[in-house]
């Protein structure tokens, strides 16, 4: 599961603005968090 650009546009005003030179976009960070949370739900005993 991954957030699309359109879905991100609906919530982007709720997030802090990016500042300075960053390597990841807010969308990429949210997708990474979503990915890790889904792994934890499906495999709660998996060590990270």
C-alpha atoms as a PDB file:
ATOM      1  CA  UNK A   1       0.000   0.000   0.000  1.00  0.00           C
ATOM      2  CA  UNK A   2       1.276   3.409  -0.894  1.00  0.00           C
ATOM      3  CA  UNK A   3      -0.073   6.944  -0.829  1.00  0.00           C
ATOM      4  CA  UNK A   4      -0.564   8.429  -4.254  1.00  0.00           C
ATOM      5  CA  UNK A   5       0.318  11.991  -5.142  1.00  0.00           C
ATOM      6  CA  UNK A   6      -3.410  12.852  -5.226  1.00  0.00           C
ATOM      7  CA  UNK A   7      -3.969  11.405  -1.746  1.00  0.00           C
ATOM      8  CA  UNK A   8      -0.935  13.262  -0.441  1.00  0.00           C
ATOM      9  CA  UNK A   9      -2.253  16.561  -1.845  1.00  0.00           C
ATOM     10  CA  UNK A  10      -5.369  16.137   0.327  1.00  0.00           C
ATOM     11  CA  UNK A  11      -3.320  16.069   3.554  1.00  0.00           C
ATOM     12  CA  UNK A  12      -0.215  18.079   2.728  1.00  0.00           C
ATOM     13  CA  UNK A  13      -1.542  21.221   4.435  1.00  0.00           C
ATOM     14  CA  UNK A  14      -1.562  19.297   7.738  1.00  0.00           C
ATOM     15  CA  UNK A  15       2.170  18.609   7.516  1.00  0.00           C
ATOM     16  CA  UNK A  16       5.092  20.951   8.125  1.00  0.00           C
ATOM     17  CA  UNK A  17       6.662  22.522   5.060  1.00  0.00           C
ATOM     18  CA  UNK A  18       9.979  21.140   3.960  1.00  0.00           C
ATOM     19  CA  UNK A  19      12.918  23.406   4.584  1.00  0.00           C
ATOM     20  CA  UNK A  20      16.421  23.505   3.251  1.00  0.00           C
ATOM     21  CA  UNK A  21      17.903  20.901   0.982  1.00  0.00           C
ATOM     22  CA  UNK A  22      16.321  17.543   1.829  1.00  0.00           C
ATOM     23  CA  UNK A  23      16.861  14.193   0.171  1.00  0.00           C
ATOM     24  CA  UNK A  24      13.377  12.746   0.787  1.00  0.00           C
ATOM     25  CA  UNK A  25      10.002  14.311   0.142  1.00  0.00           C
ATOM     26  CA  UNK A  26       7.237  14.268   2.738  1.00  0.00           C
ATOM     27  CA  UNK A  27       5.390  11.801   0.498  1.00  0.00           C
ATOM     28  CA  UNK A  28       8.362   9.423   0.519  1.00  0.00           C
ATOM     29  CA  UNK A  29       8.664   9.643   4.309  1.00  0.00           C
ATOM     30  CA  UNK A  30       4.947   8.971   4.788  1.00  0.00           C
ATOM     31  CA  UNK A  31       5.130   5.993   2.447  1.00  0.00           C
ATOM     32  CA  UNK A  32       8.112   4.618   4.397  1.00  0.00           C
ATOM     33  CA  UNK A  33       6.211   4.985   7.681  1.00  0.00           C
ATOM     34  CA  UNK A  34       3.168   3.296   6.153  1.00  0.00           C
ATOM     35  CA  UNK A  35       5.339   0.464   4.819  1.00  0.00           C
ATOM     36  CA  UNK A  36       6.965  -0.162   8.196  1.00  0.00           C
ATOM     37  CA  UNK A  37       3.653  -0.048  10.026  1.00  0.00           C
ATOM     38  CA  UNK A  38       2.165  -2.614   7.637  1.00  0.00           C
ATOM     39  CA  UNK A  39       5.158  -4.926   8.141  1.00  0.00           C
ATOM     40  CA  UNK A  40       4.718  -4.638  11.886  1.00  0.00           C
ATOM     41  CA  UNK A  41       1.023  -5.522  11.629  1.00  0.00           C
ATOM     42  CA  UNK A  42       1.699  -8.554   9.441  1.00  0.00           C
ATOM     43  CA  UNK A  43       4.855  -9.711  11.265  1.00  0.00           C
ATOM     44  CA  UNK A  44       4.791  -8.270  14.814  1.00  0.00           C
ATOM     45  CA  UNK A  45       7.688 -10.405  16.064  1.00  0.00           C
ATOM     46  CA  UNK A  46      10.076  -9.461  13.260  1.00  0.00           C
ATOM     47  CA  UNK A  47      13.097  -7.582  14.645  1.00  0.00           C
ATOM     48  CA  UNK A  48      14.157  -4.356  12.929  1.00  0.00           C
END
